[in-house]
């Protein structure tokens, strides 16, 4: 008898499953009959929206590119004392010290350096191209001494020493007002087949600016004063007809002062500029240089 009862119950359960499956099928069919027309309309609307979006997204991309390129042309605010115009509009603000007077015809730095065998700039086109040079012996030591002297001076004034990358992304240059993609490019671009979107910095300012890029500084920590010694790479000379000597060369070492200020009162930047100018004057004075 237990087996009979089990068999009987199994039959009833199977009948129930069959009835429920049949009803589920009828319900699904009814849903399809109700939904299909509305679903078809919604699908058609979806196709229309996607088409409109493609048109607007293409326009958005074009407008965004035009806006970005236009925004890059907007200049920063300049110091009120900066004249408007080319070099002919430059104004001499100050002359410090007396120009030395010699009882003989003085030699230029290149003639002196070559005579002392501490500068070599001739016969280098096959080595490193024009506008390149070697500093040897006392010439190399003099460069290191000047860098060390300046670093020590600025460290004593509370500057934060920093070393920065020589290779930086194009966006960092653009943030500093330099357009790596211009023709001709003002910077050396690394072969994009090897390293995409990397350029050689022409000044450590770009690297320091990149350090503070997308970076918050607490108001109480401002201003930040940074000093950096770096190798600078410049493409600005490319004809072989530029001024002689160690001017406007493709590569040189420079100590840079960089400041980050608040803008609460609108005077902080100018105040820090005056501070930096005073430090430059101190450096030139201690080196015994006549300058303007």
C-alpha atoms as a PDB file:
ATOM      1  CA  UNK A   1       0.000   0.000   0.000  1.00  0.00           C
ATOM      2  CA  UNK A   2       2.723   2.614   0.663  1.00  0.00           C
ATOM      3  CA  UNK A   3       3.936   2.107  -2.892  1.00  0.00           C
ATOM      4  CA  UNK A   4       0.392   2.634  -4.231  1.00  0.00           C
ATOM      5  CA  UNK A   5      -0.028   5.814  -2.259  1.00  0.00           C
ATOM      6  CA  UNK A   6       3.341   7.076  -3.468  1.00  0.00           C
ATOM      7  CA  UNK A   7       2.472   6.237  -7.080  1.00  0.00           C
ATOM      8  CA  UNK A   8      -0.883   7.951  -6.751  1.00  0.00           C
ATOM      9  CA  UNK A   9       0.704  11.051  -5.276  1.00  0.00           C
ATOM     10  CA  UNK A  10       3.386  11.107  -7.974  1.00  0.00           C
ATOM     11  CA  UNK A  11       0.694  11.060 -10.643  1.00  0.00           C
ATOM     12  CA  UNK A  12      -1.146  13.954  -9.036  1.00  0.00           C
ATOM     13  CA  UNK A  13       2.075  15.977  -8.730  1.00  0.00           C
ATOM     14  CA  UNK A  14       2.905  15.377 -12.378  1.00  0.00           C
ATOM     15  CA  UNK A  15      -0.609  16.413 -13.398  1.00  0.00           C
ATOM     16  CA  UNK A  16      -0.193  19.599 -11.343  1.00  0.00           C
ATOM     17  CA  UNK A  17       3.129  20.385 -12.984  1.00  0.00           C
ATOM     18  CA  UNK A  18       1.611  19.865 -16.423  1.00  0.00           C
ATOM     19  CA  UNK A  19      -1.315  22.176 -15.623  1.00  0.00           C
ATOM     20  CA  UNK A  20       1.000  24.872 -14.260  1.00  0.00           C
ATOM     21  CA  UNK A  21       3.364  24.626 -17.253  1.00  0.00           C
ATOM     22  CA  UNK A  22       0.409  24.947 -19.623  1.00  0.00           C
ATOM     23  CA  UNK A  23      -0.920  27.965 -17.749  1.00  0.00           C
ATOM     24  CA  UNK A  24       2.552  29.542 -17.693  1.00  0.00           C
ATOM     25  CA  UNK A  25       2.741  29.151 -21.459  1.00  0.00           C
ATOM     26  CA  UNK A  26      -0.665  30.795 -21.914  1.00  0.00           C
ATOM     27  CA  UNK A  27       0.386  33.687 -19.648  1.00  0.00           C
ATOM     28  CA  UNK A  28       3.640  34.176 -21.579  1.00  0.00           C
ATOM     29  CA  UNK A  29       1.770  34.159 -24.878  1.00  0.00           C
ATOM     30  CA  UNK A  30      -0.653  36.727 -23.527  1.00  0.00           C
ATOM     31  CA  UNK A  31       2.227  38.951 -22.384  1.00  0.00           C
ATOM     32  CA  UNK A  32       3.833  38.714 -25.813  1.00  0.00           C
ATOM     33  CA  UNK A  33       0.577  39.666 -27.505  1.00  0.00           C
ATOM     34  CA  UNK A  34       0.276  42.694 -25.233  1.00  0.00           C
ATOM     35  CA  UNK A  35       3.963  43.761 -25.322  1.00  0.00           C
ATOM     36  CA  UNK A  36       5.103  43.139 -28.881  1.00  0.00           C
ATOM     37  CA  UNK A  37       3.574  46.278 -30.465  1.00  0.00           C
ATOM     38  CA  UNK A  38       4.875  48.499 -27.645  1.00  0.00           C
ATOM     39  CA  UNK A  39       8.250  46.756 -27.695  1.00  0.00           C
ATOM     40  CA  UNK A  40       8.610  47.314 -31.426  1.00  0.00           C
ATOM     41  CA  UNK A  41       7.839  51.006 -30.968  1.00  0.00           C
ATOM     42  CA  UNK A  42      10.392  51.293 -28.164  1.00  0.00           C
ATOM     43  CA  UNK A  43      13.038  49.568 -30.242  1.00  0.00           C
ATOM     44  CA  UNK A  44      12.402  51.963 -33.109  1.00  0.00           C
ATOM     45  CA  UNK A  45      12.655  54.896 -30.715  1.00  0.00           C
ATOM     46  CA  UNK A  46      15.932  53.485 -29.382  1.00  0.00           C
ATOM     47  CA  UNK A  47      17.378  53.312 -32.897  1.00  0.00           C
ATOM     48  CA  UNK A  48      16.339  56.917 -33.511  1.00  0.00           C
ATOM     49  CA  UNK A  49      17.920  58.092 -30.252  1.00  0.00           C
ATOM     50  CA  UNK A  50      21.168  56.292 -31.017  1.00  0.00           C
ATOM     51  CA  UNK A  51      21.325  57.995 -34.405  1.00  0.00           C
ATOM     52  CA  UNK A  52      20.733  61.422 -32.858  1.00  0.00           C
ATOM     53  CA  UNK A  53      23.349  60.723 -30.190  1.00  0.00           C
ATOM     54  CA  UNK A  54      25.962  59.808 -32.804  1.00  0.00           C
ATOM     55  CA  UNK A  55      25.398  63.134 -34.556  1.00  0.00           C
ATOM     56  CA  UNK A  56      25.545  65.167 -31.332  1.00  0.00           C
ATOM     57  CA  UNK A  57      28.532  63.261 -29.943  1.00  0.00           C
ATOM     58  CA  UNK A  58      30.486  63.912 -33.147  1.00  0.00           C
ATOM     59  CA  UNK A  59      29.622  67.616 -32.895  1.00  0.00           C
ATOM     60  CA  UNK A  60      30.533  67.610 -29.199  1.00  0.00           C
ATOM     61  CA  UNK A  61      33.954  66.129 -29.966  1.00  0.00           C
ATOM     62  CA  UNK A  62      34.570  68.714 -32.689  1.00  0.00           C
ATOM     63  CA  UNK A  63      33.448  71.629 -30.503  1.00  0.00           C
ATOM     64  CA  UNK A  64      35.450  70.353 -27.531  1.00  0.00           C
ATOM     65  CA  UNK A  65      38.583  70.185 -29.667  1.00  0.00           C
ATOM     66  CA  UNK A  66      38.012  73.704 -31.026  1.00  0.00           C
ATOM     67  CA  UNK A  67      37.347  75.054 -27.524  1.00  0.00           C
ATOM     68  CA  UNK A  68      40.426  73.348 -26.071  1.00  0.00           C
ATOM     69  CA  UNK A  69      42.722  74.614 -28.820  1.00  0.00           C
ATOM     70  CA  UNK A  70      41.247  78.098 -28.480  1.00  0.00           C
ATOM     71  CA  UNK A  71      41.642  78.054 -24.703  1.00  0.00           C
ATOM     72  CA  UNK A  72      45.324  77.172 -25.109  1.00  0.00           C
ATOM     73  CA  UNK A  73      45.767  80.457 -26.978  1.00  0.00           C
ATOM     74  CA  UNK A  74      44.510  82.524 -24.043  1.00  0.00           C
ATOM     75  CA  UNK A  75      47.477  84.206 -22.334  1.00  0.00           C
ATOM     76  CA  UNK A  76      48.174  84.292 -18.629  1.00  0.00           C
ATOM     77  CA  UNK A  77      48.002  87.568 -16.802  1.00  0.00           C
ATOM     78  CA  UNK A  78      51.305  89.401 -16.946  1.00  0.00           C
ATOM     79  CA  UNK A  79      53.011  91.731 -14.517  1.00  0.00           C
ATOM     80  CA  UNK A  80      51.787  95.341 -14.874  1.00  0.00           C
ATOM     81  CA  UNK A  81      55.339  96.469 -15.692  1.00  0.00           C
ATOM     82  CA  UNK A  82      55.619  94.158 -18.709  1.00  0.00           C
ATOM     83  CA  UNK A  83      55.496  96.256 -21.910  1.00  0.00           C
ATOM     84  CA  UNK A  84      53.215  95.309 -24.780  1.00  0.00           C
ATOM     85  CA  UNK A  85      55.123  94.670 -27.988  1.00  0.00           C
ATOM     86  CA  UNK A  86      58.325  93.126 -29.286  1.00  0.00           C
ATOM     87  CA  UNK A  87      61.898  93.494 -28.031  1.00  0.00           C
ATOM     88  CA  UNK A  88      61.998  97.112 -29.204  1.00  0.00           C
ATOM     89  CA  UNK A  89      59.460  97.961 -26.486  1.00  0.00           C
ATOM     90  CA  UNK A  90      61.641  96.559 -23.683  1.00  0.00           C
ATOM     91  CA  UNK A  91      62.465  99.014 -20.897  1.00  0.00           C
ATOM     92  CA  UNK A  92      65.646  99.098 -18.835  1.00  0.00           C
ATOM     93  CA  UNK A  93      64.540  99.251 -15.201  1.00  0.00           C
ATOM     94  CA  UNK A  94      67.820  99.107 -13.303  1.00  0.00           C
ATOM     95  CA  UNK A  95      71.591  98.891 -13.757  1.00  0.00           C
ATOM     96  CA  UNK A  96      73.592  97.468 -10.858  1.00  0.00           C
ATOM     97  CA  UNK A  97      77.320  97.946 -10.407  1.00  0.00           C
ATOM     98  CA  UNK A  98      79.885  99.482 -12.714  1.00  0.00           C
ATOM     99  CA  UNK A  99      80.940  97.980 -15.989  1.00  0.00           C
ATOM    100  CA  UNK A 100      84.632  97.051 -15.725  1.00  0.00           C
ATOM    101  CA  UNK A 101      87.058  99.193 -17.719  1.00  0.00           C
ATOM    102  CA  UNK A 102      90.144  97.439 -19.108  1.00  0.00           C
ATOM    103  CA  UNK A 103      93.370  98.897 -20.474  1.00  0.00           C
ATOM    104  CA  UNK A 104      93.406  96.122 -23.063  1.00  0.00           C
ATOM    105  CA  UNK A 105      90.930  94.592 -25.472  1.00  0.00           C
ATOM    106  CA  UNK A 106      88.963  92.037 -23.430  1.00  0.00           C
ATOM    107  CA  UNK A 107      88.291  88.586 -24.819  1.00  0.00           C
ATOM    108  CA  UNK A 108      84.907  86.934 -25.002  1.00  0.00           C
ATOM    109  CA  UNK A 109      84.043  83.889 -22.925  1.00  0.00           C
ATOM    110  CA  UNK A 110      84.477  81.473 -25.828  1.00  0.00           C
ATOM    111  CA  UNK A 111      87.901  82.809 -26.776  1.00  0.00           C
ATOM    112  CA  UNK A 112      89.010  82.665 -23.143  1.00  0.00           C
ATOM    113  CA  UNK A 113      87.558  79.202 -22.642  1.00  0.00           C
ATOM    114  CA  UNK A 114      89.159  77.779 -25.761  1.00  0.00           C
ATOM    115  CA  UNK A 115      92.490  79.374 -24.854  1.00  0.00           C
ATOM    116  CA  UNK A 116      92.367  77.752 -21.417  1.00  0.00           C
ATOM    117  CA  UNK A 117      91.130  74.474 -22.912  1.00  0.00           C
ATOM    118  CA  UNK A 118      88.069  74.452 -20.656  1.00  0.00           C
ATOM    119  CA  UNK A 119      85.468  74.947 -23.436  1.00  0.00           C
ATOM    120  CA  UNK A 120      85.263  73.055 -26.700  1.00  0.00           C
ATOM    121  CA  UNK A 121      82.666  74.039 -29.265  1.00  0.00           C
ATOM    122  CA  UNK A 122      84.487  73.512 -32.537  1.00  0.00           C
ATOM    123  CA  UNK A 123      84.564  70.334 -34.639  1.00  0.00           C
ATOM    124  CA  UNK A 124      81.498  68.812 -32.979  1.00  0.00           C
ATOM    125  CA  UNK A 125      79.050  68.622 -35.889  1.00  0.00           C
ATOM    126  CA  UNK A 126      79.915  64.938 -36.388  1.00  0.00           C
ATOM    127  CA  UNK A 127      79.525  64.270 -32.648  1.00  0.00           C
ATOM    128  CA  UNK A 128      76.443  66.124 -31.473  1.00  0.00           C
ATOM    129  CA  UNK A 129      75.503  68.696 -34.116  1.00  0.00           C
ATOM    130  CA  UNK A 130      75.847  72.471 -34.053  1.00  0.00           C
ATOM    131  CA  UNK A 131      75.300  74.597 -30.937  1.00  0.00           C
ATOM    132  CA  UNK A 132      76.730  71.874 -28.691  1.00  0.00           C
ATOM    133  CA  UNK A 133      79.780  72.104 -26.447  1.00  0.00           C
ATOM    134  CA  UNK A 134      82.037  70.394 -23.927  1.00  0.00           C
ATOM    135  CA  UNK A 135      83.122  71.844 -20.585  1.00  0.00           C
ATOM    136  CA  UNK A 136      86.431  70.380 -19.453  1.00  0.00           C
ATOM    137  CA  UNK A 137      88.537  70.590 -16.312  1.00  0.00           C
ATOM    138  CA  UNK A 138      88.014  73.942 -14.605  1.00  0.00           C
ATOM    139  CA  UNK A 139      85.117  74.666 -16.966  1.00  0.00           C
ATOM    140  CA  UNK A 140      83.172  71.640 -15.740  1.00  0.00           C
ATOM    141  CA  UNK A 141      84.108  72.395 -12.125  1.00  0.00           C
ATOM    142  CA  UNK A 142      82.982  76.003 -12.556  1.00  0.00           C
ATOM    143  CA  UNK A 143      79.532  74.862 -13.673  1.00  0.00           C
ATOM    144  CA  UNK A 144      79.227  72.511 -10.689  1.00  0.00           C
ATOM    145  CA  UNK A 145      80.470  75.251  -8.351  1.00  0.00           C
ATOM    146  CA  UNK A 146      77.898  77.763  -9.611  1.00  0.00           C
ATOM    147  CA  UNK A 147      75.092  75.220  -9.243  1.00  0.00           C
ATOM    148  CA  UNK A 148      76.228  74.295  -5.723  1.00  0.00           C
ATOM    149  CA  UNK A 149      76.635  77.947  -4.711  1.00  0.00           C
ATOM    150  CA  UNK A 150      73.125  78.809  -5.875  1.00  0.00           C
ATOM    151  CA  UNK A 151      71.516  75.727  -4.333  1.00  0.00           C
ATOM    152  CA  UNK A 152      73.126  76.421  -0.959  1.00  0.00           C
ATOM    153  CA  UNK A 153      72.037  80.035  -1.141  1.00  0.00           C
ATOM    154  CA  UNK A 154      68.407  79.137  -1.791  1.00  0.00           C
ATOM    155  CA  UNK A 155      68.308  76.243   0.665  1.00  0.00           C
ATOM    156  CA  UNK A 156      69.369  78.703   3.366  1.00  0.00           C
ATOM    157  CA  UNK A 157      66.315  80.785   2.394  1.00  0.00           C
ATOM    158  CA  UNK A 158      63.923  77.894   3.039  1.00  0.00           C
ATOM    159  CA  UNK A 159      63.501  76.576  -0.514  1.00  0.00           C
ATOM    160  CA  UNK A 160      62.432  72.967  -1.005  1.00  0.00           C
ATOM    161  CA  UNK A 161      65.013  71.139  -3.161  1.00  0.00           C
ATOM    162  CA  UNK A 162      63.593  68.946  -5.891  1.00  0.00           C
ATOM    163  CA  UNK A 163      64.715  66.806  -8.807  1.00  0.00           C
ATOM    164  CA  UNK A 164      62.221  66.384 -11.634  1.00  0.00           C
ATOM    165  CA  UNK A 165      61.728  64.141 -14.692  1.00  0.00           C
ATOM    166  CA  UNK A 166      63.239  65.316 -17.967  1.00  0.00           C
ATOM    167  CA  UNK A 167      60.515  63.469 -19.919  1.00  0.00           C
ATOM    168  CA  UNK A 168      56.981  64.759 -19.457  1.00  0.00           C
ATOM    169  CA  UNK A 169      53.535  64.383 -21.022  1.00  0.00           C
ATOM    170  CA  UNK A 170      52.292  66.938 -23.521  1.00  0.00           C
ATOM    171  CA  UNK A 171      49.474  68.053 -21.204  1.00  0.00           C
ATOM    172  CA  UNK A 172      52.031  69.260 -18.646  1.00  0.00           C
ATOM    173  CA  UNK A 173      53.689  71.462 -21.282  1.00  0.00           C
ATOM    174  CA  UNK A 174      50.303  72.778 -22.407  1.00  0.00           C
ATOM    175  CA  UNK A 175      49.510  73.719 -18.820  1.00  0.00           C
ATOM    176  CA  UNK A 176      52.673  75.846 -18.865  1.00  0.00           C
ATOM    177  CA  UNK A 177      51.761  77.603 -22.117  1.00  0.00           C
ATOM    178  CA  UNK A 178      53.887  75.418 -24.410  1.00  0.00           C
ATOM    179  CA  UNK A 179      52.322  73.563 -27.349  1.00  0.00           C
ATOM    180  CA  UNK A 180      54.380  70.455 -28.171  1.00  0.00           C
ATOM    181  CA  UNK A 181      52.248  69.712 -31.240  1.00  0.00           C
ATOM    182  CA  UNK A 182      52.989  73.077 -32.881  1.00  0.00           C
ATOM    183  CA  UNK A 183      54.892  73.185 -36.170  1.00  0.00           C
ATOM    184  CA  UNK A 184      57.787  73.490 -35.716  1.00  0.00           C
ATOM    185  CA  UNK A 185      57.620  72.027 -32.228  1.00  0.00           C
ATOM    186  CA  UNK A 186      59.281  74.147 -29.510  1.00  0.00           C
ATOM    187  CA  UNK A 187      60.342  70.972 -27.667  1.00  0.00           C
ATOM    188  CA  UNK A 188      62.013  67.687 -28.492  1.00  0.00           C
ATOM    189  CA  UNK A 189      59.393  64.971 -28.965  1.00  0.00           C
ATOM    190  CA  UNK A 190      60.309  61.349 -28.266  1.00  0.00           C
ATOM    191  CA  UNK A 191      59.528  58.920 -31.108  1.00  0.00           C
ATOM    192  CA  UNK A 192      55.844  58.019 -30.489  1.00  0.00           C
ATOM    193  CA  UNK A 193      56.490  54.531 -31.861  1.00  0.00           C
ATOM    194  CA  UNK A 194      58.625  53.923 -28.761  1.00  0.00           C
ATOM    195  CA  UNK A 195      57.082  56.154 -26.105  1.00  0.00           C
ATOM    196  CA  UNK A 196      53.784  57.870 -26.840  1.00  0.00           C
ATOM    197  CA  UNK A 197      53.289  61.504 -25.774  1.00  0.00           C
ATOM    198  CA  UNK A 198      56.624  62.202 -24.087  1.00  0.00           C
ATOM    199  CA  UNK A 199      58.737  65.327 -24.578  1.00  0.00           C
ATOM    200  CA  UNK A 200      62.066  66.590 -23.238  1.00  0.00           C
ATOM    201  CA  UNK A 201      61.692  69.522 -20.864  1.00  0.00           C
ATOM    202  CA  UNK A 202      63.309  72.830 -21.780  1.00  0.00           C
ATOM    203  CA  UNK A 203      63.241  73.931 -18.133  1.00  0.00           C
ATOM    204  CA  UNK A 204      62.622  72.335 -14.756  1.00  0.00           C
ATOM    205  CA  UNK A 205      59.655  74.707 -14.330  1.00  0.00           C
ATOM    206  CA  UNK A 206      57.572  72.307 -16.409  1.00  0.00           C
ATOM    207  CA  UNK A 207      58.457  69.336 -14.229  1.00  0.00           C
ATOM    208  CA  UNK A 208      57.783  71.272 -11.016  1.00  0.00           C
ATOM    209  CA  UNK A 209      54.452  72.479 -12.399  1.00  0.00           C
ATOM    210  CA  UNK A 210      53.625  68.852 -13.179  1.00  0.00           C
ATOM    211  CA  UNK A 211      54.355  67.960  -9.546  1.00  0.00           C
ATOM    212  CA  UNK A 212      51.663  70.394  -8.402  1.00  0.00           C
ATOM    213  CA  UNK A 213      49.291  69.458 -11.258  1.00  0.00           C
ATOM    214  CA  UNK A 214      45.979  68.122  -9.860  1.00  0.00           C
ATOM    215  CA  UNK A 215      47.524  68.503  -6.422  1.00  0.00           C
ATOM    216  CA  UNK A 216      46.025  70.397  -3.497  1.00  0.00           C
ATOM    217  CA  UNK A 217      48.183  72.486  -1.169  1.00  0.00           C
ATOM    218  CA  UNK A 218      46.826  73.663   2.170  1.00  0.00           C
ATOM    219  CA  UNK A 219      46.440  77.439   2.381  1.00  0.00           C
ATOM    220  CA  UNK A 220      48.572  77.587   5.515  1.00  0.00           C
ATOM    221  CA  UNK A 221      51.426  75.895   3.614  1.00  0.00           C
ATOM    222  CA  UNK A 222      51.597  78.634   0.975  1.00  0.00           C
ATOM    223  CA  UNK A 223      53.681  80.009  -0.537  1.00  0.00           C
ATOM    224  CA  UNK A 224      55.735  76.987  -1.550  1.00  0.00           C
ATOM    225  CA  UNK A 225      59.260  77.827  -2.715  1.00  0.00           C
ATOM    226  CA  UNK A 226      61.031  75.178  -4.794  1.00  0.00           C
ATOM    227  CA  UNK A 227      64.567  75.087  -6.187  1.00  0.00           C
ATOM    228  CA  UNK A 228      65.690  72.625  -8.837  1.00  0.00           C
ATOM    229  CA  UNK A 229      68.866  72.105 -10.835  1.00  0.00           C
ATOM    230  CA  UNK A 230      68.230  70.358 -14.131  1.00  0.00           C
ATOM    231  CA  UNK A 231      69.439  69.815 -17.657  1.00  0.00           C
ATOM    232  CA  UNK A 232      67.383  71.869 -20.104  1.00  0.00           C
ATOM    233  CA  UNK A 233      66.792  70.897 -23.735  1.00  0.00           C
ATOM    234  CA  UNK A 234      65.888  73.566 -26.305  1.00  0.00           C
ATOM    235  CA  UNK A 235      65.041  73.237 -29.988  1.00  0.00           C
ATOM    236  CA  UNK A 236      65.012  76.987 -30.536  1.00  0.00           C
ATOM    237  CA  UNK A 237      68.300  77.000 -32.471  1.00  0.00           C
ATOM    238  CA  UNK A 238      68.283  75.041 -35.685  1.00  0.00           C
ATOM    239  CA  UNK A 239      69.943  77.117 -38.409  1.00  0.00           C
ATOM    240  CA  UNK A 240      73.590  77.240 -37.343  1.00  0.00           C
ATOM    241  CA  UNK A 241      73.582  81.056 -37.639  1.00  0.00           C
ATOM    242  CA  UNK A 242      72.770  81.943 -34.018  1.00  0.00           C
ATOM    243  CA  UNK A 243      74.980  84.018 -31.666  1.00  0.00           C
ATOM    244  CA  UNK A 244      78.364  82.442 -31.017  1.00  0.00           C
ATOM    245  CA  UNK A 245      79.453  80.907 -27.751  1.00  0.00           C
ATOM    246  CA  UNK A 246      77.407  79.333 -25.008  1.00  0.00           C
ATOM    247  CA  UNK A 247      74.255  81.303 -25.796  1.00  0.00           C
ATOM    248  CA  UNK A 248      71.055  79.777 -27.186  1.00  0.00           C
ATOM    249  CA  UNK A 249      72.474  76.264 -27.103  1.00  0.00           C
ATOM    250  CA  UNK A 250      70.421  73.077 -27.329  1.00  0.00           C
ATOM    251  CA  UNK A 251      71.356  71.783 -23.876  1.00  0.00           C
ATOM    252  CA  UNK A 252      72.457  73.473 -20.664  1.00  0.00           C
ATOM    253  CA  UNK A 253      72.196  73.240 -16.882  1.00  0.00           C
ATOM    254  CA  UNK A 254      70.086  75.724 -14.945  1.00  0.00           C
ATOM    255  CA  UNK A 255      69.041  76.320 -11.350  1.00  0.00           C
ATOM    256  CA  UNK A 256      65.377  77.329 -11.224  1.00  0.00           C
ATOM    257  CA  UNK A 257      63.336  79.080  -8.556  1.00  0.00           C
ATOM    258  CA  UNK A 258      59.647  78.165  -8.618  1.00  0.00           C
ATOM    259  CA  UNK A 259      56.868  79.457  -6.403  1.00  0.00           C
ATOM    260  CA  UNK A 260      53.272  78.456  -5.707  1.00  0.00           C
ATOM    261  CA  UNK A 261      51.172  81.144  -4.049  1.00  0.00           C
ATOM    262  CA  UNK A 262      47.639  81.724  -2.901  1.00  0.00           C
ATOM    263  CA  UNK A 263      45.400  84.235  -4.677  1.00  0.00           C
ATOM    264  CA  UNK A 264      43.380  85.453  -1.712  1.00  0.00           C
ATOM    265  CA  UNK A 265      44.320  89.112  -2.054  1.00  0.00           C
ATOM    266  CA  UNK A 266      45.585  89.291  -5.638  1.00  0.00           C
ATOM    267  CA  UNK A 267      49.050  90.475  -4.552  1.00  0.00           C
ATOM    268  CA  UNK A 268      50.689  87.219  -3.466  1.00  0.00           C
ATOM    269  CA  UNK A 269      52.208  86.379  -6.855  1.00  0.00           C
ATOM    270  CA  UNK A 270      53.784  89.811  -7.310  1.00  0.00           C
ATOM    271  CA  UNK A 271      55.132  89.746  -3.749  1.00  0.00           C
ATOM    272  CA  UNK A 272      56.815  86.389  -4.359  1.00  0.00           C
ATOM    273  CA  UNK A 273      58.198  87.654  -7.670  1.00  0.00           C
ATOM    274  CA  UNK A 274      59.775  90.603  -5.848  1.00  0.00           C
ATOM    275  CA  UNK A 275      61.253  88.177  -3.314  1.00  0.00           C
ATOM    276  CA  UNK A 276      62.739  86.034  -6.098  1.00  0.00           C
ATOM    277  CA  UNK A 277      64.099  89.121  -7.852  1.00  0.00           C
ATOM    278  CA  UNK A 278      65.779  90.196  -4.625  1.00  0.00           C
ATOM    279  CA  UNK A 279      67.397  86.768  -4.297  1.00  0.00           C
ATOM    280  CA  UNK A 280      68.686  86.949  -7.866  1.00  0.00           C
ATOM    281  CA  UNK A 281      70.228  90.324  -7.082  1.00  0.00           C
ATOM    282  CA  UNK A 282      71.913  88.865  -3.996  1.00  0.00           C
ATOM    283  CA  UNK A 283      73.372  86.044  -6.074  1.00  0.00           C
ATOM    284  CA  UNK A 284      74.749  88.393  -8.730  1.00  0.00           C
ATOM    285  CA  UNK A 285      76.105  90.744  -6.056  1.00  0.00           C
ATOM    286  CA  UNK A 286      77.927  87.933  -4.237  1.00  0.00           C
ATOM    287  CA  UNK A 287      79.406  86.787  -7.547  1.00  0.00           C
ATOM    288  CA  UNK A 288      80.647  90.320  -8.201  1.00  0.00           C
ATOM    289  CA  UNK A 289      78.727  90.703 -11.458  1.00  0.00           C
ATOM    290  CA  UNK A 290      77.685  93.928 -13.151  1.00  0.00           C
ATOM    291  CA  UNK A 291      74.177  93.445 -14.508  1.00  0.00           C
ATOM    292  CA  UNK A 292      71.019  95.138 -15.657  1.00  0.00           C
END
